[in-house]
C-alpha atoms as a PDB file:
ATOM      1  CA  MET A   1      22.302  -1.727 -28.723  1.00  0.00           C
ATOM      2  CA  ALA A   2      20.412   1.766 -27.066  1.00  0.00           C
ATOM      3  CA  LYS A   3      19.275   1.366 -23.417  1.00  0.00           C
ATOM      4  CA  PRO A   4      15.921   1.108 -22.702  1.00  0.00           C
ATOM      5  CA  ARG A   5      14.166   4.703 -21.657  1.00  0.00           C
ATOM      6  CA  GLN A   6      14.047   4.365 -18.175  1.00  0.00           C
ATOM      7  CA  LYS A   7      10.227   6.161 -16.880  1.00  0.00           C
ATOM      8  CA  ARG A   8      10.222   8.966 -14.704  1.00  0.00           C
ATOM      9  CA  MET A   9       8.192   8.497 -11.445  1.00  0.00           C
ATOM     10  CA  GLN A  10       6.570  11.077  -9.164  1.00  0.00           C
ATOM     11  CA  LYS A  11       5.826  10.228  -5.760  1.00  0.00           C
ATOM     12  CA  ARG A  12       2.298  10.838  -4.277  1.00  0.00           C
ATOM     13  CA  PHE A  13       1.072  10.683  -0.719  1.00  0.00           C
ATOM     14  CA  TYR A  14      -1.859   8.111   0.066  1.00  0.00           C
ATOM     15  CA  ALA A  15      -3.583   5.878   2.448  1.00  0.00           C
ATOM     16  CA  TYR A  16      -5.196   3.198   1.124  1.00  0.00           C
ATOM     17  CA  ASN A  17      -8.330   2.016   3.640  1.00  0.00           C
ATOM     18  CA  PRO A  18     -10.998  -0.182   3.462  1.00  0.00           C
ATOM     19  CA  PRO A  19     -13.721  -0.482   5.235  1.00  0.00           C
ATOM     20  CA  GLY A  20     -14.097  -1.737   8.753  1.00  0.00           C
ATOM     21  CA  THR A  21     -14.644  -5.351   9.059  1.00  0.00           C
ATOM     22  CA  ALA A  22     -16.679  -6.828  11.756  1.00  0.00           C
ATOM     23  CA  VAL A  23     -15.227 -10.576  13.051  1.00  0.00           C
ATOM     24  CA  ALA A  24     -17.230 -12.520  15.165  1.00  0.00           C
ATOM     25  CA  ALA A  25     -14.999 -13.969  17.980  1.00  0.00           C
ATOM     26  CA  ALA A  26     -12.781 -16.976  17.313  1.00  0.00           C
ATOM     27  CA  THR A  27     -13.050 -16.548  13.312  1.00  0.00           C
ATOM     28  CA  THR A  28     -10.900 -15.149  10.427  1.00  0.00           C
ATOM     29  CA  GLN A  29     -12.089 -12.851   7.763  1.00  0.00           C
ATOM     30  CA  VAL A  30      -9.821 -11.519   4.905  1.00  0.00           C
ATOM     31  CA  ILE A  31     -10.052  -8.087   3.566  1.00  0.00           C
ATOM     32  CA  PRO A  32      -9.239  -7.771  -0.123  1.00  0.00           C
ATOM     33  CA  LEU A  33      -7.563  -4.583  -1.273  1.00  0.00           C
ATOM     34  CA  THR A  34      -7.411  -3.596  -5.104  1.00  0.00           C
ATOM     35  CA  ILE A  35      -4.519  -1.559  -6.066  1.00  0.00           C
ATOM     36  CA  ASP A  36      -5.567   1.684  -8.496  1.00  0.00           C
ATOM     37  CA  GLN A  37      -4.930   0.982 -11.670  1.00  0.00           C
ATOM     38  CA  ASP A  38      -3.212   4.858 -12.349  1.00  0.00           C
ATOM     39  CA  ALA A  39      -0.082   4.170 -10.986  1.00  0.00           C
ATOM     40  CA  ASP A  40       1.835   1.116  -9.169  1.00  0.00           C
ATOM     41  CA  PHE A  41       2.183   1.633  -4.729  1.00  0.00           C
ATOM     42  CA  MET A  42       5.436   1.159  -2.718  1.00  0.00           C
ATOM     43  CA  ALA A  43       3.950   0.297   0.934  1.00  0.00           C
ATOM     44  CA  MET A  44       5.289   1.744   3.401  1.00  0.00           C
ATOM     45  CA  TYR A  45       4.253   1.626   6.768  1.00  0.00           C
ATOM     46  CA  LEU A  46       0.651   0.109   8.358  1.00  0.00           C
ATOM     47  CA  THR A  47      -1.493   1.166  11.011  1.00  0.00           C
ATOM     48  CA  PHE A  48      -4.905  -0.938  12.947  1.00  0.00           C
ATOM     49  CA  THR A  49      -7.828   0.367  15.019  1.00  0.00           C
ATOM     50  CA  ALA A  50      -9.448  -1.581  17.205  1.00  0.00           C
ATOM     51  CA  THR A  51     -11.414  -2.330  20.048  1.00  0.00           C
ATOM     52  CA  THR A  52      -8.187  -4.591  21.883  1.00  0.00           C
ATOM     53  CA  LEU A  53      -5.826  -5.218  19.223  1.00  0.00           C
ATOM     54  CA  ALA A  54      -3.606  -7.470  21.684  1.00  0.00           C
ATOM     55  CA  ASN A  55      -6.465 -11.046  20.452  1.00  0.00           C
ATOM     56  CA  TRP A  56      -5.510 -10.022  16.190  1.00  0.00           C
ATOM     57  CA  THR A  57      -2.970 -11.886  14.732  1.00  0.00           C
ATOM     58  CA  LEU A  58      -2.672 -11.043  10.260  1.00  0.00           C
ATOM     59  CA  GLN A  59      -1.654 -12.598   7.415  1.00  0.00           C
ATOM     60  CA  ILE A  60      -0.878 -10.550   4.500  1.00  0.00           C
ATOM     61  CA  GLU A  61      -0.706 -12.163   0.640  1.00  0.00           C
ATOM     62  CA  ASP A  62      -0.561  -9.722  -2.783  1.00  0.00           C
ATOM     63  CA  THR A  63      -1.278 -11.175  -6.431  1.00  0.00           C
ATOM     64  CA  ASP A  64       2.056  -8.979  -7.155  1.00  0.00           C
ATOM     65  CA  SER A  65       4.026 -11.746  -6.015  1.00  0.00           C
ATOM     66  CA  SER A  66       2.143 -14.608  -4.790  1.00  0.00           C
ATOM     67  CA  ARG A  67       3.200 -15.001  -1.337  1.00  0.00           C
ATOM     68  CA  THR A  68       2.686 -14.249   1.923  1.00  0.00           C
ATOM     69  CA  TRP A  69       4.375 -11.174   3.704  1.00  0.00           C
ATOM     70  CA  PHE A  70       5.122 -12.989   6.763  1.00  0.00           C
ATOM     71  CA  ARG A  71       6.244 -16.619   7.105  1.00  0.00           C
ATOM     72  CA  ASN A  72       2.455 -17.712  10.094  1.00  0.00           C
ATOM     73  CA  PRO A  73       0.281 -15.355  10.794  1.00  0.00           C
ATOM     74  CA  ILE A  74       1.495 -12.620  13.265  1.00  0.00           C
ATOM     75  CA  PRO A  75       0.097 -11.046  16.551  1.00  0.00           C
ATOM     76  CA  ILE A  76      -0.863  -7.561  15.918  1.00  0.00           C
ATOM     77  CA  LEU A  77      -0.163  -6.112  19.171  1.00  0.00           C
ATOM     78  CA  GLY A  78       3.117  -7.265  19.957  1.00  0.00           C
ATOM     79  CA  HIS A  79       4.430  -6.668  16.508  1.00  0.00           C
ATOM     80  CA  PHE A  80       3.246  -3.837  15.345  1.00  0.00           C
ATOM     81  CA  ASP A  81       2.481  -2.476  18.746  1.00  0.00           C
ATOM     82  CA  ASN A  82      -0.057   0.415  17.945  1.00  0.00           C
ATOM     83  CA  THR A  83      -2.670   1.886  18.779  1.00  0.00           C
ATOM     84  CA  ALA A  84      -3.213   4.054  16.405  1.00  0.00           C
ATOM     85  CA  ARG A  85      -1.287   7.615  17.386  1.00  0.00           C
ATOM     86  CA  GLU A  86       1.506   5.929  15.792  1.00  0.00           C
ATOM     87  CA  ASN A  87       1.928   4.111  12.388  1.00  0.00           C
ATOM     88  CA  TYR A  88       4.366   0.400  11.825  1.00  0.00           C
ATOM     89  CA  MET A  89       7.098   1.015   9.915  1.00  0.00           C
ATOM     90  CA  LEU A  90       7.444  -2.450   6.367  1.00  0.00           C
ATOM     91  CA  PRO A  91      11.406  -3.604   7.384  1.00  0.00           C
ATOM     92  CA  ALA A  92      10.971  -2.140   3.828  1.00  0.00           C
ATOM     93  CA  ALA A  93       9.323  -0.298   1.868  1.00  0.00           C
ATOM     94  CA  ARG A  94       7.368  -2.917  -0.663  1.00  0.00           C
ATOM     95  CA  TYR A  95       6.330  -2.714  -4.257  1.00  0.00           C
ATOM     96  CA  LEU A  96       2.424  -3.025  -5.108  1.00  0.00           C
ATOM     97  CA  GLY A  97       1.651  -3.241  -8.850  1.00  0.00           C
ATOM     98  CA  ARG A  98      -1.194  -1.209 -10.990  1.00  0.00           C
ATOM     99  CA  GLN A  99      -4.547  -3.478 -10.068  1.00  0.00           C
ATOM    100  CA  THR A 100      -2.353  -5.699  -6.907  1.00  0.00           C
ATOM    101  CA  VAL A 101      -5.055  -7.605  -5.000  1.00  0.00           C
ATOM    102  CA  VAL A 102      -3.799  -7.383  -1.065  1.00  0.00           C
ATOM    103  CA  THR A 103      -5.343 -10.032   1.016  1.00  0.00           C
ATOM    104  CA  PHE A 104      -5.729  -9.206   5.190  1.00  0.00           C
ATOM    105  CA  THR A 105      -5.806 -12.578   6.313  1.00  0.00           C
ATOM    106  CA  VAL A 106      -7.389 -11.481  10.004  1.00  0.00           C
ATOM    107  CA  THR A 107      -8.109 -13.608  13.184  1.00  0.00           C
ATOM    108  CA  ASN A 108      -9.806 -12.687  16.285  1.00  0.00           C
ATOM    109  CA  ALA A 109      -9.088 -14.587  18.478  1.00  0.00           C
ATOM    110  CA  GLY A 110     -11.153 -12.965  21.740  1.00  0.00           C
ATOM    111  CA  GLY A 111     -14.259 -13.728  23.201  1.00  0.00           C
ATOM    112  CA  ALA A 112     -16.443 -10.950  21.301  1.00  0.00           C
ATOM    113  CA  PRO A 113     -17.094 -10.102  17.966  1.00  0.00           C
ATOM    114  CA  ASP A 114     -15.089  -6.568  17.334  1.00  0.00           C
ATOM    115  CA  THR A 115     -14.197  -4.925  14.251  1.00  0.00           C
ATOM    116  CA  ILE A 116     -10.852  -3.851  12.601  1.00  0.00           C
ATOM    117  CA  PHE A 117      -9.999  -0.952  10.877  1.00  0.00           C
ATOM    118  CA  ILE A 118      -6.812  -1.497   8.038  1.00  0.00           C
ATOM    119  CA  VAL A 119      -5.163   1.655   6.762  1.00  0.00           C
ATOM    120  CA  MET A 120      -2.294   1.132   4.842  1.00  0.00           C
ATOM    121  CA  HIS A 121       0.710   4.392   3.584  1.00  0.00           C
ATOM    122  CA  GLY A 122       2.449   4.888   1.515  1.00  0.00           C
ATOM    123  CA  TYR A 123       2.726   6.467  -2.169  1.00  0.00           C
ATOM    124  CA  LYS A 124       1.997   6.079  -5.631  1.00  0.00           C
ATOM    125  CA  LEU A 125       4.439   5.524  -8.327  1.00  0.00           C
ATOM    126  CA  VAL A 126       3.060   7.815 -11.161  1.00  0.00           C
ATOM    127  CA  PRO A 127       4.624   8.475 -14.471  1.00  0.00           C
ATOM    128  CA  VAL A 128       5.917  11.396 -16.031  1.00  0.00           C
ATOM    129  CA  LYS A 129       5.550  12.528 -18.718  1.00  0.00           C
ATOM    130  CA  THR A 130       8.877  13.907 -21.305  1.00  0.00           C
ATOM    131  CA  VAL A 131       9.105  14.867 -24.002  1.00  0.00           C
ATOM    132  CA  SER A 132      11.546  14.954 -26.242  1.00  0.00           C
ATOM    133  CA  SER A 133      14.738  16.771 -26.887  1.00  0.00           C
ATOM    134  CA  ALA A 134      13.152  17.748 -30.523  1.00  0.00           C
ATOM    135  CA  ALA A 135       9.570  19.514 -29.210  1.00  0.00           C
ATOM    136  CA  LEU A 136      11.684  20.947 -26.404  1.00  0.00           C
ATOM    137  CA  ARG A 137      14.363  22.729 -28.248  1.00  0.00           C
ATOM    138  CA  ALA A 138      11.007  23.509 -30.135  1.00  0.00           C
ATOM    139  CA  ILE A 139       9.442  25.560 -27.293  1.00  0.00           C
ATOM    140  CA  GLN A 140      12.016  27.116 -26.369  1.00  0.00           C
ATOM    141  CA  ARG A 141      12.335  28.734 -29.878  1.00  0.00           C
ATOM    142  CA  ARG A 142       8.552  29.891 -30.047  1.00  0.00           C
ATOM    143  CA  LYS A 143       9.420  31.474 -26.473  1.00  0.00           C
ATOM    144  CA  LEU A 144      12.251  33.545 -27.919  1.00  0.00           C
ATOM    145  CA  ALA A 145      11.152  34.629 -30.163  1.00  0.00           C
ATOM    146  CA  ARG A 146       8.075  35.838 -28.432  1.00  0.00           C
ATOM    147  CA  ARG A 147      10.858  38.468 -27.067  1.00  0.00           C
END
């Protein structure tokens, strides 16, 4: 039995950033993000920006695995400790298939409305088209014939 051929993939840096979301004081907001259809995505880093991150909690879920990324919503400040000057590197890269919907559930526990910006950095995994060995030999013969 022949082994199935593995697809070669090319990594291209990419960042998904849903629009900034205004969240009223003491409320929760769901921010959806859909992975493009042209390629799978490998999430590596997260960046968060808000006036004050001390009052925010976060939960992430994706339709690819149908699971939450954390057992309970976690405080952004203290777990991510970034102020848009640095990125939070995920403990392990997270594979997200094409058309996967990632939902960021954020809660603003502060006393004032605020806007949060989220950026998910990583790599698009683009399939590389392969050429059969017969086609490659034909190309090489044509190049040699031109000389």
